[in-house]
C-alpha atoms as a PDB file:
ATOM      1  CA  MET A   1      -8.280  20.837 -17.469  1.00  0.00           C
ATOM      2  CA  PRO A   2      -4.780  21.174 -15.943  1.00  0.00           C
ATOM      3  CA  PHE A   3      -4.136  21.972 -12.274  1.00  0.00           C
ATOM      4  CA  GLY A   4      -0.352  22.157 -11.907  1.00  0.00           C
ATOM      5  CA  ARG A   5       0.705  18.747 -13.145  1.00  0.00           C
ATOM      6  CA  LEU A   6      -2.723  17.252 -12.493  1.00  0.00           C
ATOM      7  CA  HIS A   7      -4.658  16.528 -15.685  1.00  0.00           C
ATOM      8  CA  ILE A   8      -8.384  15.733 -15.507  1.00  0.00           C
ATOM      9  CA  HIS A   9      -9.641  13.961 -18.635  1.00  0.00           C
ATOM     10  CA  THR A  10     -13.294  13.393 -17.702  1.00  0.00           C
ATOM     11  CA  ARG A  11     -15.461  14.798 -14.938  1.00  0.00           C
ATOM     12  CA  PRO A  12     -17.409  12.192 -12.965  1.00  0.00           C
ATOM     13  CA  SER A  13     -20.278  13.389 -10.780  1.00  0.00           C
ATOM     14  CA  LEU A  14     -19.481  12.858  -7.099  1.00  0.00           C
ATOM     15  CA  GLU A  15     -21.198  14.333  -4.049  1.00  0.00           C
ATOM     16  CA  LYS A  16     -19.216  12.959  -1.088  1.00  0.00           C
ATOM     17  CA  ALA A  17     -16.316  10.895  -2.373  1.00  0.00           C
ATOM     18  CA  THR A  18     -13.642   8.763  -0.737  1.00  0.00           C
ATOM     19  CA  LEU A  19     -10.121   8.535  -2.165  1.00  0.00           C
ATOM     20  CA  LEU A  20      -8.064   5.344  -1.785  1.00  0.00           C
ATOM     21  CA  LEU A  21      -4.316   5.755  -2.282  1.00  0.00           C
ATOM     22  CA  GLY A  22      -1.874   3.046  -3.326  1.00  0.00           C
ATOM     23  CA  PHE A  23       1.841   3.828  -3.689  1.00  0.00           C
ATOM     24  CA  SER A  24       4.657   1.619  -4.884  1.00  0.00           C
ATOM     25  CA  GLY A  25       7.989   1.950  -3.116  1.00  0.00           C
ATOM     26  CA  TRP A  26       7.939   2.724   0.594  1.00  0.00           C
ATOM     27  CA  MET A  27       5.314   0.810   2.613  1.00  0.00           C
ATOM     28  CA  ASN A  28       4.435  -1.587  -0.207  1.00  0.00           C
ATOM     29  CA  GLY A  29       5.898  -4.805   1.205  1.00  0.00           C
ATOM     30  CA  GLY A  30       4.178  -7.828  -0.299  1.00  0.00           C
ATOM     31  CA  GLU A  31       2.682  -5.358  -2.823  1.00  0.00           C
ATOM     32  CA  ILE A  32      -0.153  -4.780  -0.366  1.00  0.00           C
ATOM     33  CA  SER A  33      -0.614  -1.101  -1.201  1.00  0.00           C
ATOM     34  CA  THR A  34      -0.646  -1.410  -4.977  1.00  0.00           C
ATOM     35  CA  GLY A  35      -2.038  -4.958  -5.008  1.00  0.00           C
ATOM     36  CA  SER A  36      -5.143  -4.165  -2.962  1.00  0.00           C
ATOM     37  CA  ILE A  37      -5.977  -1.041  -4.942  1.00  0.00           C
ATOM     38  CA  GLN A  38      -5.282  -2.716  -8.297  1.00  0.00           C
ATOM     39  CA  TYR A  39      -7.514  -5.653  -7.348  1.00  0.00           C
ATOM     40  CA  LEU A  40     -10.436  -3.334  -6.551  1.00  0.00           C
ATOM     41  CA  ILE A  41      -9.899  -1.347  -9.752  1.00  0.00           C
ATOM     42  CA  ASP A  42      -9.976  -4.543 -11.813  1.00  0.00           C
ATOM     43  CA  LYS A  43     -12.870  -6.095  -9.864  1.00  0.00           C
ATOM     44  CA  LEU A  44     -15.066  -3.012 -10.106  1.00  0.00           C
ATOM     45  CA  GLN A  45     -13.927  -2.299 -13.696  1.00  0.00           C
ATOM     46  CA  VAL A  46     -13.537   1.403 -13.057  1.00  0.00           C
ATOM     47  CA  PRO A  47     -12.127   3.740 -15.729  1.00  0.00           C
ATOM     48  CA  LYS A  48      -9.227   6.172 -15.578  1.00  0.00           C
ATOM     49  CA  PHE A  49     -10.215   9.797 -15.416  1.00  0.00           C
ATOM     50  CA  ALA A  50      -7.167  11.802 -14.285  1.00  0.00           C
ATOM     51  CA  GLU A  51      -3.405  11.617 -13.867  1.00  0.00           C
ATOM     52  CA  ILE A  52      -0.433  13.481 -12.450  1.00  0.00           C
ATOM     53  CA  GLU A  53       2.294  13.866 -15.026  1.00  0.00           C
ATOM     54  CA  PRO A  54       5.638  12.566 -13.707  1.00  0.00           C
ATOM     55  CA  GLN A  55       8.054  15.213 -15.016  1.00  0.00           C
ATOM     56  CA  GLY A  56       9.996  16.817 -12.194  1.00  0.00           C
ATOM     57  CA  TYR A  57       8.910  14.392  -9.503  1.00  0.00           C
ATOM     58  CA  TYR A  58      11.270  11.457 -10.087  1.00  0.00           C
ATOM     59  CA  ILE A  59      14.915  10.443 -10.337  1.00  0.00           C
ATOM     60  CA  ASN A  60      15.469   8.446 -13.532  1.00  0.00           C
ATOM     61  CA  ASN A  61      19.243   8.258 -13.293  1.00  0.00           C
ATOM     62  CA  PHE A  62      21.413   7.985 -10.212  1.00  0.00           C
ATOM     63  CA  PRO A  63      25.217   7.614 -10.004  1.00  0.00           C
ATOM     64  CA  GLY A  64      26.539   4.495  -8.330  1.00  0.00           C
ATOM     65  CA  SER A  65      26.596   0.740  -8.676  1.00  0.00           C
ATOM     66  CA  MET A  66      24.258  -1.084 -11.030  1.00  0.00           C
ATOM     67  CA  GLU A  67      22.380  -2.559  -8.062  1.00  0.00           C
ATOM     68  CA  LEU A  68      21.652   0.937  -6.739  1.00  0.00           C
ATOM     69  CA  THR A  69      20.962   2.749 -10.006  1.00  0.00           C
ATOM     70  CA  ALA A  70      18.592  -0.017 -11.150  1.00  0.00           C
ATOM     71  CA  LEU A  71      16.210   1.030  -8.371  1.00  0.00           C
ATOM     72  CA  PHE A  72      15.668   4.396 -10.064  1.00  0.00           C
ATOM     73  CA  ARG A  73      15.817   3.662 -13.787  1.00  0.00           C
ATOM     74  CA  PRO A  74      12.600   2.999 -15.764  1.00  0.00           C
ATOM     75  CA  HIS A  75      11.976  -0.655 -16.651  1.00  0.00           C
ATOM     76  CA  THR A  76      12.202  -1.711 -20.282  1.00  0.00           C
ATOM     77  CA  LYS A  77      11.757  -4.872 -22.322  1.00  0.00           C
ATOM     78  CA  ILE A  78      13.477  -5.509 -25.659  1.00  0.00           C
ATOM     79  CA  THR A  79      12.380  -8.444 -27.796  1.00  0.00           C
ATOM     80  CA  ASP A  80      14.287  -9.484 -30.907  1.00  0.00           C
ATOM     81  CA  GLY A  81      15.869  -6.065 -31.161  1.00  0.00           C
ATOM     82  CA  LEU A  82      12.630  -4.095 -30.713  1.00  0.00           C
ATOM     83  CA  ILE A  83      11.673  -2.109 -27.629  1.00  0.00           C
ATOM     84  CA  THR A  84       8.326  -3.602 -26.613  1.00  0.00           C
ATOM     85  CA  GLU A  85       7.976  -1.964 -23.180  1.00  0.00           C
ATOM     86  CA  LEU A  86       9.217   1.198 -21.489  1.00  0.00           C
ATOM     87  CA  GLU A  87       7.567   1.830 -18.140  1.00  0.00           C
ATOM     88  CA  MET A  88       7.890   5.450 -17.091  1.00  0.00           C
ATOM     89  CA  PRO A  89       6.525   6.553 -13.688  1.00  0.00           C
ATOM     90  CA  SER A  90       2.742   6.977 -13.719  1.00  0.00           C
ATOM     91  CA  ASN A  91       0.208   8.356 -11.243  1.00  0.00           C
ATOM     92  CA  THR A  92      -3.333   7.552 -12.274  1.00  0.00           C
ATOM     93  CA  PHE A  93      -6.786   8.192 -10.812  1.00  0.00           C
ATOM     94  CA  TYR A  94      -9.771   5.909 -11.431  1.00  0.00           C
ATOM     95  CA  CYS A  95     -13.392   6.611 -10.518  1.00  0.00           C
ATOM     96  CA  ASP A  96     -16.313   4.450  -9.415  1.00  0.00           C
ATOM     97  CA  GLU A  97     -19.260   6.843  -9.510  1.00  0.00           C
ATOM     98  CA  ASP A  98     -21.758   4.265  -8.191  1.00  0.00           C
ATOM     99  CA  ASN A  99     -19.807   3.834  -4.956  1.00  0.00           C
ATOM    100  CA  GLU A 100     -18.504   7.411  -4.731  1.00  0.00           C
ATOM    101  CA  LEU A 101     -14.924   6.122  -4.818  1.00  0.00           C
ATOM    102  CA  ILE A 102     -11.729   7.407  -6.397  1.00  0.00           C
ATOM    103  CA  PHE A 103      -8.731   5.083  -6.628  1.00  0.00           C
ATOM    104  CA  PHE A 104      -5.145   6.229  -7.086  1.00  0.00           C
ATOM    105  CA  LEU A 105      -2.172   4.137  -8.156  1.00  0.00           C
ATOM    106  CA  GLY A 106       1.172   5.880  -8.220  1.00  0.00           C
ATOM    107  CA  ILE A 107       4.808   6.042  -7.209  1.00  0.00           C
ATOM    108  CA  GLU A 108       6.084   8.002  -4.233  1.00  0.00           C
ATOM    109  CA  PRO A 109       7.791  11.127  -5.633  1.00  0.00           C
ATOM    110  CA  ASN A 110      11.491  11.755  -5.092  1.00  0.00           C
ATOM    111  CA  PHE A 111      11.150  15.540  -5.403  1.00  0.00           C
ATOM    112  CA  GLN A 112       8.687  18.367  -4.707  1.00  0.00           C
ATOM    113  CA  TRP A 113       6.460  16.682  -2.151  1.00  0.00           C
ATOM    114  CA  HIS A 114       4.560  19.938  -1.636  1.00  0.00           C
ATOM    115  CA  ASP A 115       3.599  20.227  -5.310  1.00  0.00           C
ATOM    116  CA  PHE A 116       2.706  16.545  -5.568  1.00  0.00           C
ATOM    117  CA  ALA A 117       0.489  16.831  -2.489  1.00  0.00           C
ATOM    118  CA  GLU A 118      -1.159  19.939  -3.907  1.00  0.00           C
ATOM    119  CA  ASP A 119      -2.024  17.980  -7.068  1.00  0.00           C
ATOM    120  CA  ILE A 120      -3.789  15.361  -4.939  1.00  0.00           C
ATOM    121  CA  PHE A 121      -5.557  17.895  -2.742  1.00  0.00           C
ATOM    122  CA  SER A 122      -6.649  19.858  -5.842  1.00  0.00           C
ATOM    123  CA  LEU A 123      -8.368  16.748  -7.143  1.00  0.00           C
ATOM    124  CA  CYS A 124     -10.001  16.273  -3.748  1.00  0.00           C
ATOM    125  CA  SER A 125     -11.382  19.805  -3.910  1.00  0.00           C
ATOM    126  CA  GLU A 126     -12.655  19.397  -7.469  1.00  0.00           C
ATOM    127  CA  PHE A 127     -14.531  16.151  -6.774  1.00  0.00           C
ATOM    128  CA  ASN A 128     -15.842  16.632  -3.241  1.00  0.00           C
ATOM    129  CA  VAL A 129     -13.510  14.156  -1.545  1.00  0.00           C
ATOM    130  CA  HIS A 130     -14.126  14.201   2.204  1.00  0.00           C
ATOM    131  CA  MET A 131     -11.975  11.217   3.246  1.00  0.00           C
ATOM    132  CA  ILE A 132      -8.630   9.785   2.087  1.00  0.00           C
ATOM    133  CA  TYR A 133      -7.358   6.313   2.975  1.00  0.00           C
ATOM    134  CA  PHE A 134      -3.838   5.156   2.301  1.00  0.00           C
ATOM    135  CA  ILE A 135      -3.369   1.399   2.348  1.00  0.00           C
ATOM    136  CA  GLY A 136       0.174   0.155   2.926  1.00  0.00           C
ATOM    137  CA  SER A 137       2.357  -2.414   4.638  1.00  0.00           C
ATOM    138  CA  VAL A 138       5.638  -2.924   6.459  1.00  0.00           C
ATOM    139  CA  ALA A 139       7.667  -6.065   7.095  1.00  0.00           C
ATOM    140  CA  GLY A 140       7.476  -7.329  10.651  1.00  0.00           C
ATOM    141  CA  LEU A 141       7.506 -10.323  12.980  1.00  0.00           C
ATOM    142  CA  VAL A 142       4.098 -11.807  12.188  1.00  0.00           C
ATOM    143  CA  PRO A 143       3.296 -15.365  11.029  1.00  0.00           C
ATOM    144  CA  HIS A 144       2.113 -16.084   7.489  1.00  0.00           C
ATOM    145  CA  THR A 145      -0.597 -18.361   8.941  1.00  0.00           C
ATOM    146  CA  ARG A 146      -2.493 -15.427  10.464  1.00  0.00           C
ATOM    147  CA  LYS A 147      -4.101 -12.271   9.131  1.00  0.00           C
ATOM    148  CA  PRO A 148      -1.818  -9.213   9.102  1.00  0.00           C
ATOM    149  CA  ARG A 149      -2.173  -6.817  11.986  1.00  0.00           C
ATOM    150  CA  LEU A 150      -3.399  -3.345  11.077  1.00  0.00           C
ATOM    151  CA  PHE A 151      -2.049  -0.086  12.472  1.00  0.00           C
ATOM    152  CA  CYS A 152      -3.109   3.440  11.645  1.00  0.00           C
ATOM    153  CA  SER A 153      -2.252   7.095  11.948  1.00  0.00           C
ATOM    154  CA  VAL A 154      -4.831   9.805  11.367  1.00  0.00           C
ATOM    155  CA  SER A 155      -5.072  13.466  10.445  1.00  0.00           C
ATOM    156  CA  ASP A 156      -7.342  14.357  13.359  1.00  0.00           C
ATOM    157  CA  HIS A 157      -7.807  12.922  16.849  1.00  0.00           C
ATOM    158  CA  LEU A 158     -11.581  12.803  16.222  1.00  0.00           C
ATOM    159  CA  LEU A 159     -10.990   9.917  13.809  1.00  0.00           C
ATOM    160  CA  LYS A 160      -9.438   7.715  16.483  1.00  0.00           C
ATOM    161  CA  ASP A 161     -12.756   6.565  17.935  1.00  0.00           C
ATOM    162  CA  LYS A 162     -13.847   5.285  14.536  1.00  0.00           C
ATOM    163  CA  PHE A 163     -10.794   3.103  14.027  1.00  0.00           C
ATOM    164  CA  ALA A 164     -10.683   1.911  17.622  1.00  0.00           C
ATOM    165  CA  GLU A 165     -14.065   0.275  16.930  1.00  0.00           C
ATOM    166  CA  TYR A 166     -12.373  -1.873  14.267  1.00  0.00           C
ATOM    167  CA  GLY A 167      -9.741  -3.081  16.721  1.00  0.00           C
ATOM    168  CA  ILE A 168      -6.960  -1.326  14.835  1.00  0.00           C
ATOM    169  CA  GLN A 169      -3.861  -0.404  16.827  1.00  0.00           C
ATOM    170  CA  PHE A 170      -2.543   3.163  16.608  1.00  0.00           C
ATOM    171  CA  SER A 171       0.989   3.588  15.286  1.00  0.00           C
ATOM    172  CA  ASN A 172       3.991   4.527  17.402  1.00  0.00           C
ATOM    173  CA  TYR A 173       6.942   5.350  15.190  1.00  0.00           C
ATOM    174  CA  GLU A 174       9.938   7.637  14.887  1.00  0.00           C
ATOM    175  CA  GLY A 175      12.151   7.657  11.795  1.00  0.00           C
ATOM    176  CA  PRO A 176      12.158   8.509   8.075  1.00  0.00           C
ATOM    177  CA  ALA A 177       8.845   9.876   6.781  1.00  0.00           C
ATOM    178  CA  SER A 178       6.983   9.154   3.551  1.00  0.00           C
ATOM    179  CA  ILE A 179       4.764  11.175   1.214  1.00  0.00           C
ATOM    180  CA  VAL A 180       1.841   9.518   3.044  1.00  0.00           C
ATOM    181  CA  THR A 181       2.912  11.150   6.321  1.00  0.00           C
ATOM    182  CA  TYR A 182       3.167  14.483   4.522  1.00  0.00           C
ATOM    183  CA  LEU A 183      -0.334  14.092   3.069  1.00  0.00           C
ATOM    184  CA  THR A 184      -1.820  13.037   6.413  1.00  0.00           C
ATOM    185  CA  LYS A 185      -0.197  15.944   8.231  1.00  0.00           C
ATOM    186  CA  ASN A 186      -1.524  18.478   5.710  1.00  0.00           C
ATOM    187  CA  ALA A 187      -4.962  17.007   4.980  1.00  0.00           C
ATOM    188  CA  LYS A 188      -6.899  18.941   7.606  1.00  0.00           C
ATOM    189  CA  ARG A 189      -5.904  22.364   6.295  1.00  0.00           C
ATOM    190  CA  HIS A 190      -7.260  21.289   2.891  1.00  0.00           C
ATOM    191  CA  GLY A 191     -10.620  20.427   4.405  1.00  0.00           C
ATOM    192  CA  VAL A 192     -10.264  16.658   4.120  1.00  0.00           C
ATOM    193  CA  SER A 193      -9.720  13.862   6.648  1.00  0.00           C
ATOM    194  CA  MET A 194      -7.096  11.164   6.137  1.00  0.00           C
ATOM    195  CA  ALA A 195      -6.111   7.845   7.648  1.00  0.00           C
ATOM    196  CA  SER A 196      -3.044   5.748   6.869  1.00  0.00           C
ATOM    197  CA  ILE A 197      -3.825   2.043   7.365  1.00  0.00           C
ATOM    198  CA  VAL A 198      -0.696  -0.109   7.446  1.00  0.00           C
ATOM    199  CA  ALA A 199      -0.578  -3.899   7.590  1.00  0.00           C
ATOM    200  CA  THR A 200       2.334  -5.688   9.236  1.00  0.00           C
ATOM    201  CA  VAL A 201       3.274  -8.538   6.905  1.00  0.00           C
ATOM    202  CA  PRO A 202       5.682 -11.474   7.491  1.00  0.00           C
ATOM    203  CA  ALA A 203       9.246 -10.341   6.757  1.00  0.00           C
ATOM    204  CA  TYR A 204      10.365 -13.840   5.836  1.00  0.00           C
ATOM    205  CA  VAL A 205       7.905 -13.991   2.901  1.00  0.00           C
ATOM    206  CA  GLN A 206       9.287 -11.988  -0.003  1.00  0.00           C
ATOM    207  CA  GLY A 207       7.381 -10.651  -3.012  1.00  0.00           C
ATOM    208  CA  HIS A 208       3.674 -10.585  -3.867  1.00  0.00           C
ATOM    209  CA  ASN A 209       1.593 -11.710  -0.870  1.00  0.00           C
ATOM    210  CA  PRO A 210      -1.995 -12.689  -1.853  1.00  0.00           C
ATOM    211  CA  LYS A 211      -2.973 -13.616   1.728  1.00  0.00           C
ATOM    212  CA  CYS A 212      -2.247 -10.142   3.053  1.00  0.00           C
ATOM    213  CA  ILE A 213      -3.792  -8.509  -0.023  1.00  0.00           C
ATOM    214  CA  GLU A 214      -6.967 -10.506   0.594  1.00  0.00           C
ATOM    215  CA  ALA A 215      -7.095  -9.558   4.274  1.00  0.00           C
ATOM    216  CA  VAL A 216      -6.664  -5.854   3.549  1.00  0.00           C
ATOM    217  CA  THR A 217      -9.107  -5.934   0.626  1.00  0.00           C
ATOM    218  CA  ARG A 218     -11.759  -7.647   2.758  1.00  0.00           C
ATOM    219  CA  TRP A 219     -11.287  -5.025   5.456  1.00  0.00           C
ATOM    220  CA  LEU A 220     -11.640  -2.248   2.881  1.00  0.00           C
ATOM    221  CA  ALA A 221     -14.725  -3.814   1.326  1.00  0.00           C
ATOM    222  CA  ALA A 222     -16.381  -3.975   4.756  1.00  0.00           C
ATOM    223  CA  LEU A 223     -15.359  -0.422   5.643  1.00  0.00           C
ATOM    224  CA  LEU A 224     -16.676   0.969   2.350  1.00  0.00           C
ATOM    225  CA  LYS A 225     -19.709  -1.343   2.203  1.00  0.00           C
ATOM    226  CA  LEU A 226     -18.687  -2.771  -1.167  1.00  0.00           C
ATOM    227  CA  ASP A 227     -20.703  -5.748  -2.378  1.00  0.00           C
ATOM    228  CA  ILE A 228     -18.018  -7.730  -4.215  1.00  0.00           C
ATOM    229  CA  ASP A 229     -17.175 -11.415  -4.551  1.00  0.00           C
ATOM    230  CA  LEU A 230     -13.653 -12.163  -3.285  1.00  0.00           C
ATOM    231  CA  GLU A 231     -13.692 -15.933  -3.847  1.00  0.00           C
ATOM    232  CA  ASP A 232     -11.005 -15.719  -6.542  1.00  0.00           C
ATOM    233  CA  LEU A 233      -8.719 -13.886  -4.129  1.00  0.00           C
ATOM    234  CA  LYS A 234      -9.514 -16.425  -1.397  1.00  0.00           C
ATOM    235  CA  ALA A 235      -8.481 -19.291  -3.701  1.00  0.00           C
ATOM    236  CA  MET A 236      -5.155 -17.593  -4.473  1.00  0.00           C
ATOM    237  CA  THR A 237      -4.624 -17.061  -0.745  1.00  0.00           C
ATOM    238  CA  GLU A 238      -5.161 -20.727   0.126  1.00  0.00           C
ATOM    239  CA  ASP A 239      -2.758 -21.871  -2.597  1.00  0.00           C
ATOM    240  CA  PHE A 240      -0.179 -19.285  -1.517  1.00  0.00           C
ATOM    241  CA  GLU A 241      -0.324 -20.278   2.168  1.00  0.00           C
ATOM    242  CA  LYS A 242       0.122 -23.971   1.324  1.00  0.00           C
ATOM    243  CA  LYS A 243       3.206 -23.197  -0.771  1.00  0.00           C
ATOM    244  CA  VAL A 244       4.778 -21.046   1.951  1.00  0.00           C
ATOM    245  CA  THR A 245       4.036 -23.645   4.632  1.00  0.00           C
ATOM    246  CA  ASN A 246       5.694 -26.383   2.548  1.00  0.00           C
ATOM    247  CA  ILE A 247       8.787 -24.231   2.104  1.00  0.00           C
ATOM    248  CA  VAL A 248       8.923 -23.413   5.828  1.00  0.00           C
ATOM    249  CA  LYS A 249       8.807 -27.120   6.733  1.00  0.00           C
ATOM    250  CA  LYS A 250      12.148 -27.546   4.967  1.00  0.00           C
ATOM    251  CA  GLN A 251      13.771 -24.956   7.273  1.00  0.00           C
ATOM    252  CA  PRO A 252      13.403 -26.241  10.884  1.00  0.00           C
ATOM    253  CA  GLU A 253      14.898 -23.134  12.516  1.00  0.00           C
ATOM    254  CA  LEU A 254      12.420 -20.858  10.760  1.00  0.00           C
ATOM    255  CA  ALA A 255       9.551 -23.276  11.471  1.00  0.00           C
ATOM    256  CA  ASP A 256      10.301 -23.203  15.219  1.00  0.00           C
ATOM    257  CA  ASN A 257      10.346 -19.412  15.218  1.00  0.00           C
ATOM    258  CA  ILE A 258       7.012 -19.277  13.385  1.00  0.00           C
ATOM    259  CA  VAL A 259       5.414 -21.430  16.104  1.00  0.00           C
ATOM    260  CA  LYS A 260       6.536 -18.796  18.632  1.00  0.00           C
ATOM    261  CA  LEU A 261       5.183 -16.018  16.369  1.00  0.00           C
ATOM    262  CA  GLU A 262       1.824 -17.773  16.248  1.00  0.00           C
ATOM    263  CA  GLU A 263       1.730 -18.017  20.047  1.00  0.00           C
ATOM    264  CA  ASP A 264       2.508 -14.301  20.408  1.00  0.00           C
ATOM    265  CA  TYR A 265      -0.084 -13.392  17.761  1.00  0.00           C
ATOM    266  CA  ASP A 266      -2.811 -15.487  19.385  1.00  0.00           C
ATOM    267  CA  ASN A 267      -1.989 -13.998  22.814  1.00  0.00           C
ATOM    268  CA  GLU A 268      -2.016 -10.479  21.330  1.00  0.00           C
ATOM    269  CA  VAL A 269       1.630  -9.824  22.123  1.00  0.00           C
ATOM    270  CA  PHE A 270       2.635  -6.807  20.054  1.00  0.00           C
ATOM    271  CA  ASP A 271       6.172  -6.094  21.235  1.00  0.00           C
ATOM    272  CA  THR A 272       7.841  -9.374  20.251  1.00  0.00           C
ATOM    273  CA  GLU A 273      11.634  -9.156  20.179  1.00  0.00           C
ATOM    274  CA  MET A 274      12.557 -12.685  19.011  1.00  0.00           C
ATOM    275  CA  PRO A 275      16.320 -12.127  18.596  1.00  0.00           C
ATOM    276  CA  ASP A 276      16.794 -15.596  17.058  1.00  0.00           C
ATOM    277  CA  LEU A 277      14.409 -14.821  14.214  1.00  0.00           C
ATOM    278  CA  ARG A 278      15.778 -11.309  13.791  1.00  0.00           C
ATOM    279  CA  ASN A 279      19.296 -12.712  13.484  1.00  0.00           C
ATOM    280  CA  TRP A 280      18.117 -15.384  11.047  1.00  0.00           C
ATOM    281  CA  LEU A 281      16.427 -12.758   8.874  1.00  0.00           C
ATOM    282  CA  GLN A 282      19.501 -10.544   8.994  1.00  0.00           C
ATOM    283  CA  GLU A 283      21.711 -13.424   7.890  1.00  0.00           C
ATOM    284  CA  LYS A 284      19.370 -13.965   4.938  1.00  0.00           C
ATOM    285  CA  GLY A 285      19.562 -10.264   4.034  1.00  0.00           C
ATOM    286  CA  ILE A 286      15.912  -9.660   4.949  1.00  0.00           C
ATOM    287  CA  ARG A 287      15.116  -6.251   6.423  1.00  0.00           C
ATOM    288  CA  LEU A 288      12.565  -5.511   9.113  1.00  0.00           C
ATOM    289  CA  ASP A 289      10.789  -2.134   8.735  1.00  0.00           C
END
């Protein structure tokens, strides 16, 4: 049954569901947003049941240099003259009826945020979703040897007590907004609560970050009371941390800065400036969010 550009293929039975959102693009440093959600989807072996069609929501072509336009164009793979892959934007919902969970993996829309949000809220209404969690990440001055710090923003002040119990810091931010901010701001008028949980991940570690994915996934599993074995993720984390540590040892300036980051982390210093590290990152072309 279509609702705007939302298409529901099967109708799971849910009484009081929770929706977990993962978006690629903004706030997906280390692939924490998509990686955590994808891991749970695979681990729980949950099926697809709905999707938002992409037409009208995305830029596929953008004038400018190849480096810029490549960020918007769909990815393709051609093997021996044959097109074997063409990845168009997708926004897919998966359902775990046993745990009353809906998972979403998608791409932040370039256009029509209102309509995109309405597609998500329509699904919430249809399947009795009472709570939405977005899981994301930003690059910051935190050491790779520690768990990522978690910050949150919420749709209603009544939710703050709940997250304060978990030791999560509340966000203070001013700047460009994301579709997640739009959803959080508008959740209450659609009769649903929402929290955006954002991990601060080490800026000097680029690409897929299993350690941070494990930390966020463990936090989610505890929050949602999921009985799942994360030993495979733990093993990947240990291997990943060893590799990063070995690389850091070969860069004395970075290693010295990480020692200071560890001291600040352990002393719960949240407003670290560290101009030497910031300058080093800037010289390497690494952006802090």
